[in-house]
PDB file of N, CA and C in Angstrom:
ATOM      1  N   MET A   1    -135.838  65.975 -11.767  1.00  0.00           N
ATOM      2  CA  MET A   1    -135.446  64.990 -11.410  1.00  0.00           C
ATOM      3  C   MET A   1    -136.125  64.418 -10.187  1.00  0.00           C
ATOM      4  N   LEU A   2    -136.295  62.589 -10.043  1.00  0.00           N
ATOM      5  CA  LEU A   2    -136.653  62.513  -8.944  1.00  0.00           C
ATOM      6  C   LEU A   2    -135.697  62.411  -7.447  1.00  0.00           C
ATOM      7  N   PRO A   3    -136.064  62.300  -6.371  1.00  0.00           N
ATOM      8  CA  PRO A   3    -135.322  62.212  -5.569  1.00  0.00           C
ATOM      9  C   PRO A   3    -134.307  60.782  -5.454  1.00  0.00           C
ATOM     10  N   VAL A   4    -133.174  60.507  -4.879  1.00  0.00           N
ATOM     11  CA  VAL A   4    -132.820  59.256  -4.700  1.00  0.00           C
ATOM     12  C   VAL A   4    -133.366  58.525  -3.737  1.00  0.00           C
ATOM     13  N   GLU A   5    -133.519  56.585  -3.807  1.00  0.00           N
ATOM     14  CA  GLU A   5    -133.909  56.122  -3.182  1.00  0.00           C
ATOM     15  C   GLU A   5    -132.850  55.344  -2.410  1.00  0.00           C
ATOM     16  N   PRO A   6    -133.179  54.984  -1.130  1.00  0.00           N
ATOM     17  CA  PRO A   6    -131.898  54.209  -0.627  1.00  0.00           C
ATOM     18  C   PRO A   6    -132.686  52.397  -1.073  1.00  0.00           C
ATOM     19  N   VAL A   7    -132.080  51.795  -1.397  1.00  0.00           N
ATOM     20  CA  VAL A   7    -132.644  50.041  -1.679  1.00  0.00           C
ATOM     21  C   VAL A   7    -131.798  49.156  -1.205  1.00  0.00           C
ATOM     22  N   SER A   8    -132.022  48.682  -0.308  1.00  0.00           N
ATOM     23  CA  SER A   8    -131.175  47.465   0.096  1.00  0.00           C
ATOM     24  C   SER A   8    -131.316  46.268  -0.966  1.00  0.00           C
ATOM     25  N   MET A   9    -130.358  45.914  -0.865  1.00  0.00           N
ATOM     26  CA  MET A   9    -129.492  44.675  -2.085  1.00  0.00           C
ATOM     27  C   MET A   9    -128.864  43.531  -1.026  1.00  0.00           C
ATOM     28  N   THR A  10    -128.287  42.820  -1.937  1.00  0.00           N
ATOM     29  CA  THR A  10    -127.558  41.893  -1.140  1.00  0.00           C
ATOM     30  C   THR A  10    -126.601  41.363  -2.226  1.00  0.00           C
ATOM     31  N   CYS A  11    -125.275  41.234  -1.929  1.00  0.00           N
ATOM     32  CA  CYS A  11    -124.298  41.741  -3.325  1.00  0.00           C
ATOM     33  C   CYS A  11    -124.494  39.921  -4.156  1.00  0.00           C
ATOM     34  N   PRO A  12    -124.520  39.929  -5.328  1.00  0.00           N
ATOM     35  CA  PRO A  12    -124.556  38.219  -5.787  1.00  0.00           C
ATOM     36  C   PRO A  12    -123.382  37.535  -5.734  1.00  0.00           C
ATOM     37  N   TYR A  13    -122.574  37.710  -5.001  1.00  0.00           N
ATOM     38  CA  TYR A  13    -120.850  37.856  -5.307  1.00  0.00           C
ATOM     39  C   TYR A  13    -120.542  37.126  -3.776  1.00  0.00           C
ATOM     40  N   CYS A  14    -120.416  38.245  -2.813  1.00  0.00           N
ATOM     41  CA  CYS A  14    -120.151  37.957  -1.520  1.00  0.00           C
ATOM     42  C   CYS A  14    -121.530  37.355  -0.386  1.00  0.00           C
ATOM     43  N   GLY A  15    -122.767  37.863  -1.276  1.00  0.00           N
ATOM     44  CA  GLY A  15    -123.546  37.677   0.036  1.00  0.00           C
ATOM     45  C   GLY A  15    -124.086  38.822   0.790  1.00  0.00           C
ATOM     46  N   GLU A  16    -122.903  39.962   1.110  1.00  0.00           N
ATOM     47  CA  GLU A  16    -123.461  40.825   1.920  1.00  0.00           C
ATOM     48  C   GLU A  16    -124.059  41.690   1.835  1.00  0.00           C
ATOM     49  N   PRO A  17    -124.868  42.457   2.954  1.00  0.00           N
ATOM     50  CA  PRO A  17    -126.138  43.363   2.380  1.00  0.00           C
ATOM     51  C   PRO A  17    -125.599  44.559   1.822  1.00  0.00           C
ATOM     52  N   VAL A  18    -125.893  45.128   1.271  1.00  0.00           N
ATOM     53  CA  VAL A  18    -125.373  46.532   0.785  1.00  0.00           C
ATOM     54  C   VAL A  18    -126.462  47.415   0.428  1.00  0.00           C
ATOM     55  N   GLU A  19    -126.330  48.975   0.202  1.00  0.00           N
ATOM     56  CA  GLU A  19    -127.275  49.711   0.076  1.00  0.00           C
ATOM     57  C   GLU A  19    -127.026  50.362  -0.909  1.00  0.00           C
ATOM     58  N   LEU A  20    -127.834  50.400  -2.160  1.00  0.00           N
ATOM     59  CA  LEU A  20    -127.588  50.885  -3.747  1.00  0.00           C
ATOM     60  C   LEU A  20    -128.487  52.713  -3.438  1.00  0.00           C
ATOM     61  N   LEU A  21    -128.164  53.881  -3.899  1.00  0.00           N
ATOM     62  CA  LEU A  21    -129.113  54.569  -4.120  1.00  0.00           C
ATOM     63  C   LEU A  21    -129.597  54.587  -5.768  1.00  0.00           C
ATOM     64  N   VAL A  22    -130.605  54.586  -5.606  1.00  0.00           N
ATOM     65  CA  VAL A  22    -131.537  54.656  -7.250  1.00  0.00           C
ATOM     66  C   VAL A  22    -132.256  55.809  -7.776  1.00  0.00           C
ATOM     67  N   GLU A  23    -132.192  56.200  -8.635  1.00  0.00           N
ATOM     68  CA  GLU A  23    -132.972  57.660  -8.672  1.00  0.00           C
ATOM     69  C   GLU A  23    -134.055  56.992  -9.630  1.00  0.00           C
ATOM     70  N   PRO A  24    -135.624  56.715  -8.992  1.00  0.00           N
ATOM     71  CA  PRO A  24    -136.565  56.475 -10.428  1.00  0.00           C
ATOM     72  C   PRO A  24    -136.594  57.254 -11.171  1.00  0.00           C
ATOM     73  N   SER A  25    -136.900  56.600 -12.305  1.00  0.00           N
ATOM     74  CA  SER A  25    -137.250  57.238 -13.476  1.00  0.00           C
ATOM     75  C   SER A  25    -138.775  56.796 -14.169  1.00  0.00           C
ATOM     76  N   ASP A  26    -138.830  57.426 -14.930  1.00  0.00           N
ATOM     77  CA  ASP A  26    -139.736  56.725 -15.923  1.00  0.00           C
ATOM     78  C   ASP A  26    -139.469  55.413 -17.159  1.00  0.00           C
ATOM     79  N   GLN A  27    -138.277  55.954 -17.482  1.00  0.00           N
ATOM     80  CA  GLN A  27    -137.352  55.343 -18.424  1.00  0.00           C
ATOM     81  C   GLN A  27    -136.266  53.622 -17.641  1.00  0.00           C
ATOM     82  N   PRO A  28    -136.499  52.764 -18.305  1.00  0.00           N
ATOM     83  CA  PRO A  28    -135.905  51.889 -17.492  1.00  0.00           C
ATOM     84  C   PRO A  28    -134.436  52.351 -17.396  1.00  0.00           C
ATOM     85  N   GLN A  29    -133.371  51.941 -16.766  1.00  0.00           N
ATOM     86  CA  GLN A  29    -131.996  52.348 -16.544  1.00  0.00           C
ATOM     87  C   GLN A  29    -131.468  50.790 -16.382  1.00  0.00           C
ATOM     88  N   ALA A  30    -129.704  50.297 -16.872  1.00  0.00           N
ATOM     89  CA  ALA A  30    -129.395  49.802 -16.610  1.00  0.00           C
ATOM     90  C   ALA A  30    -127.945  50.461 -16.644  1.00  0.00           C
ATOM     91  N   TYR A  31    -127.071  49.656 -15.532  1.00  0.00           N
ATOM     92  CA  TYR A  31    -125.661  50.253 -15.502  1.00  0.00           C
ATOM     93  C   TYR A  31    -124.884  49.011 -14.715  1.00  0.00           C
ATOM     94  N   VAL A  32    -123.661  49.596 -14.402  1.00  0.00           N
ATOM     95  CA  VAL A  32    -122.678  48.399 -13.462  1.00  0.00           C
ATOM     96  C   VAL A  32    -121.979  49.211 -12.278  1.00  0.00           C
ATOM     97  N   GLU A  33    -122.712  48.360 -11.283  1.00  0.00           N
ATOM     98  CA  GLU A  33    -121.889  49.156  -9.816  1.00  0.00           C
ATOM     99  C   GLU A  33    -121.247  48.322  -9.325  1.00  0.00           C
ATOM    100  N   ASP A  34    -120.353  48.627  -8.607  1.00  0.00           N
ATOM    101  CA  ASP A  34    -119.754  47.915  -7.811  1.00  0.00           C
ATOM    102  C   ASP A  34    -119.789  47.753  -6.338  1.00  0.00           C
ATOM    103  N   CYS A  35    -119.842  46.312  -5.798  1.00  0.00           N
ATOM    104  CA  CYS A  35    -120.121  46.369  -4.425  1.00  0.00           C
ATOM    105  C   CYS A  35    -118.846  46.852  -3.672  1.00  0.00           C
ATOM    106  N   THR A  36    -119.735  47.308  -2.406  1.00  0.00           N
ATOM    107  CA  THR A  36    -119.111  48.244  -1.507  1.00  0.00           C
ATOM    108  C   THR A  36    -118.358  47.303  -0.522  1.00  0.00           C
ATOM    109  N   VAL A  37    -118.313  46.426  -0.626  1.00  0.00           N
ATOM    110  CA  VAL A  37    -117.818  45.345   0.378  1.00  0.00           C
ATOM    111  C   VAL A  37    -116.672  44.499  -0.704  1.00  0.00           C
ATOM    112  N   CYS A  38    -116.935  43.410  -1.762  1.00  0.00           N
ATOM    113  CA  CYS A  38    -115.895  43.126  -2.407  1.00  0.00           C
ATOM    114  C   CYS A  38    -115.509  43.538  -3.628  1.00  0.00           C
ATOM    115  N   CYS A  39    -115.752  44.576  -4.125  1.00  0.00           N
ATOM    116  CA  CYS A  39    -115.680  45.470  -5.344  1.00  0.00           C
ATOM    117  C   CYS A  39    -115.964  44.954  -6.557  1.00  0.00           C
ATOM    118  N   ARG A  40    -116.418  43.893  -6.638  1.00  0.00           N
ATOM    119  CA  ARG A  40    -116.640  43.144  -8.146  1.00  0.00           C
ATOM    120  C   ARG A  40    -118.013  43.649  -8.122  1.00  0.00           C
ATOM    121  N   PRO A  41    -118.088  43.909  -9.751  1.00  0.00           N
ATOM    122  CA  PRO A  41    -119.150  44.410 -10.347  1.00  0.00           C
ATOM    123  C   PRO A  41    -120.439  43.881 -10.326  1.00  0.00           C
ATOM    124  N   TRP A  42    -121.366  44.064 -10.359  1.00  0.00           N
ATOM    125  CA  TRP A  42    -122.724  43.775 -10.913  1.00  0.00           C
ATOM    126  C   TRP A  42    -123.773  44.968 -11.734  1.00  0.00           C
ATOM    127  N   GLN A  43    -124.382  43.748 -12.800  1.00  0.00           N
ATOM    128  CA  GLN A  43    -125.214  44.837 -13.215  1.00  0.00           C
ATOM    129  C   GLN A  43    -126.505  44.705 -12.879  1.00  0.00           C
ATOM    130  N   VAL A  44    -127.101  46.373 -12.596  1.00  0.00           N
ATOM    131  CA  VAL A  44    -127.891  46.491 -12.167  1.00  0.00           C
ATOM    132  C   VAL A  44    -129.283  47.085 -13.841  1.00  0.00           C
ATOM    133  N   ARG A  45    -130.815  47.151 -13.178  1.00  0.00           N
ATOM    134  CA  ARG A  45    -131.346  47.235 -13.838  1.00  0.00           C
ATOM    135  C   ARG A  45    -132.273  47.834 -12.582  1.00  0.00           C
ATOM    136  N   VAL A  46    -133.126  48.888 -13.103  1.00  0.00           N
ATOM    137  CA  VAL A  46    -134.025  49.884 -12.244  1.00  0.00           C
ATOM    138  C   VAL A  46    -134.863  50.040 -13.400  1.00  0.00           C
ATOM    139  N   TYR A  47    -136.313  50.046 -12.923  1.00  0.00           N
ATOM    140  CA  TYR A  47    -137.319  49.988 -13.728  1.00  0.00           C
ATOM    141  C   TYR A  47    -138.557  50.079 -12.909  1.00  0.00           C
ATOM    142  N   THR A  48    -139.913  50.509 -13.539  1.00  0.00           N
ATOM    143  CA  THR A  48    -141.125  50.248 -12.676  1.00  0.00           C
ATOM    144  C   THR A  48    -142.026  49.230 -13.152  1.00  0.00           C
ATOM    145  N   ASP A  49    -142.583  48.905 -12.267  1.00  0.00           N
ATOM    146  CA  ASP A  49    -143.712  47.789 -12.771  1.00  0.00           C
ATOM    147  C   ASP A  49    -144.638  48.420 -13.178  1.00  0.00           C
ATOM    148  N   THR A  50    -145.852  47.359 -13.974  1.00  0.00           N
ATOM    149  CA  THR A  50    -147.004  47.817 -13.969  1.00  0.00           C
ATOM    150  C   THR A  50    -147.879  47.978 -13.014  1.00  0.00           C
ATOM    151  N   ALA A  51    -147.406  48.054 -11.874  1.00  0.00           N
ATOM    152  CA  ALA A  51    -148.009  48.363 -10.868  1.00  0.00           C
ATOM    153  C   ALA A  51    -147.821  49.898 -10.283  1.00  0.00           C
ATOM    154  N   GLY A  52    -146.828  50.585 -10.667  1.00  0.00           N
ATOM    155  CA  GLY A  52    -145.944  51.508 -10.334  1.00  0.00           C
ATOM    156  C   GLY A  52    -145.138  51.092  -9.517  1.00  0.00           C
ATOM    157  N   ARG A  53    -144.255  50.559  -8.814  1.00  0.00           N
ATOM    158  CA  ARG A  53    -143.659  50.169  -7.992  1.00  0.00           C
ATOM    159  C   ARG A  53    -142.027  50.242  -8.828  1.00  0.00           C
ATOM    160  N   LEU A  54    -140.992  50.614  -7.662  1.00  0.00           N
ATOM    161  CA  LEU A  54    -139.908  50.482  -8.426  1.00  0.00           C
ATOM    162  C   LEU A  54    -139.281  48.947  -8.107  1.00  0.00           C
ATOM    163  N   VAL A  55    -138.786  48.661  -8.973  1.00  0.00           N
ATOM    164  CA  VAL A  55    -137.815  47.647  -9.206  1.00  0.00           C
ATOM    165  C   VAL A  55    -136.489  47.925  -9.230  1.00  0.00           C
ATOM    166  N   VAL A  56    -135.659  47.138  -8.312  1.00  0.00           N
ATOM    167  CA  VAL A  56    -134.432  47.256  -8.363  1.00  0.00           C
ATOM    168  C   VAL A  56    -133.865  45.095  -8.717  1.00  0.00           C
ATOM    169  N   GLU A  57    -132.826  45.119  -9.577  1.00  0.00           N
ATOM    170  CA  GLU A  57    -132.620  43.946  -9.840  1.00  0.00           C
ATOM    171  C   GLU A  57    -131.021  43.970 -10.097  1.00  0.00           C
ATOM    172  N   ALA A  58    -130.349  42.957  -9.473  1.00  0.00           N
ATOM    173  CA  ALA A  58    -128.820  42.713  -9.235  1.00  0.00           C
ATOM    174  C   ALA A  58    -128.202  41.794 -10.004  1.00  0.00           C
ATOM    175  N   ARG A  59    -127.503  41.387 -10.713  1.00  0.00           N
ATOM    176  CA  ARG A  59    -126.911  39.945 -11.045  1.00  0.00           C
ATOM    177  C   ARG A  59    -125.602  40.382 -10.922  1.00  0.00           C
ATOM    178  N   ARG A  60    -124.704  39.328 -11.062  1.00  0.00           N
ATOM    179  CA  ARG A  60    -123.531  39.325 -11.235  1.00  0.00           C
ATOM    180  C   ARG A  60    -122.914  39.650 -12.893  1.00  0.00           C
ATOM    181  N   ASP A  61    -122.235  40.499 -12.428  1.00  0.00           N
ATOM    182  CA  ASP A  61    -121.375  40.762 -14.306  1.00  0.00           C
ATOM    183  C   ASP A  61    -120.955  39.549 -15.401  1.00  0.00           C
ATOM    184  N   ASP A  62    -120.575  38.728 -14.786  1.00  0.00           N
ATOM    185  CA  ASP A  62    -120.427  37.607 -15.410  1.00  0.00           C
ATOM    186  C   ASP A  62    -121.516  36.711 -16.034  1.00  0.00           C
ATOM    187  N   GLU A  63    -122.548  36.952 -14.870  1.00  0.00           N
ATOM    188  CA  GLU A  63    -124.103  35.956 -16.162  1.00  0.00           C
ATOM    189  C   GLU A  63    -124.507  36.152 -17.300  1.00  0.00           C
ATOM    190  N   THR A  64    -124.863  35.961 -18.287  1.00  0.00           N
ATOM    191  CA  THR A  64    -125.617  36.284 -19.815  1.00  0.00           C
ATOM    192  C   THR A  64    -126.669  36.274 -19.517  1.00  0.00           C
TER     193      THR A  64
END
């Protein structure tokens, strides 16, 4: 198991800065995370790009 890494994000609903703890992995991850400020749910994707960098994307849960 790899150590978790803090990642600074901006909530796609309220725009407030929020820190997520993500676990890097060789496999892409997708899950729902609630904003710690406004409590609205986000869709979070975590993956490693072709250059080996950790990528974390967050979008509103109501986006398609």
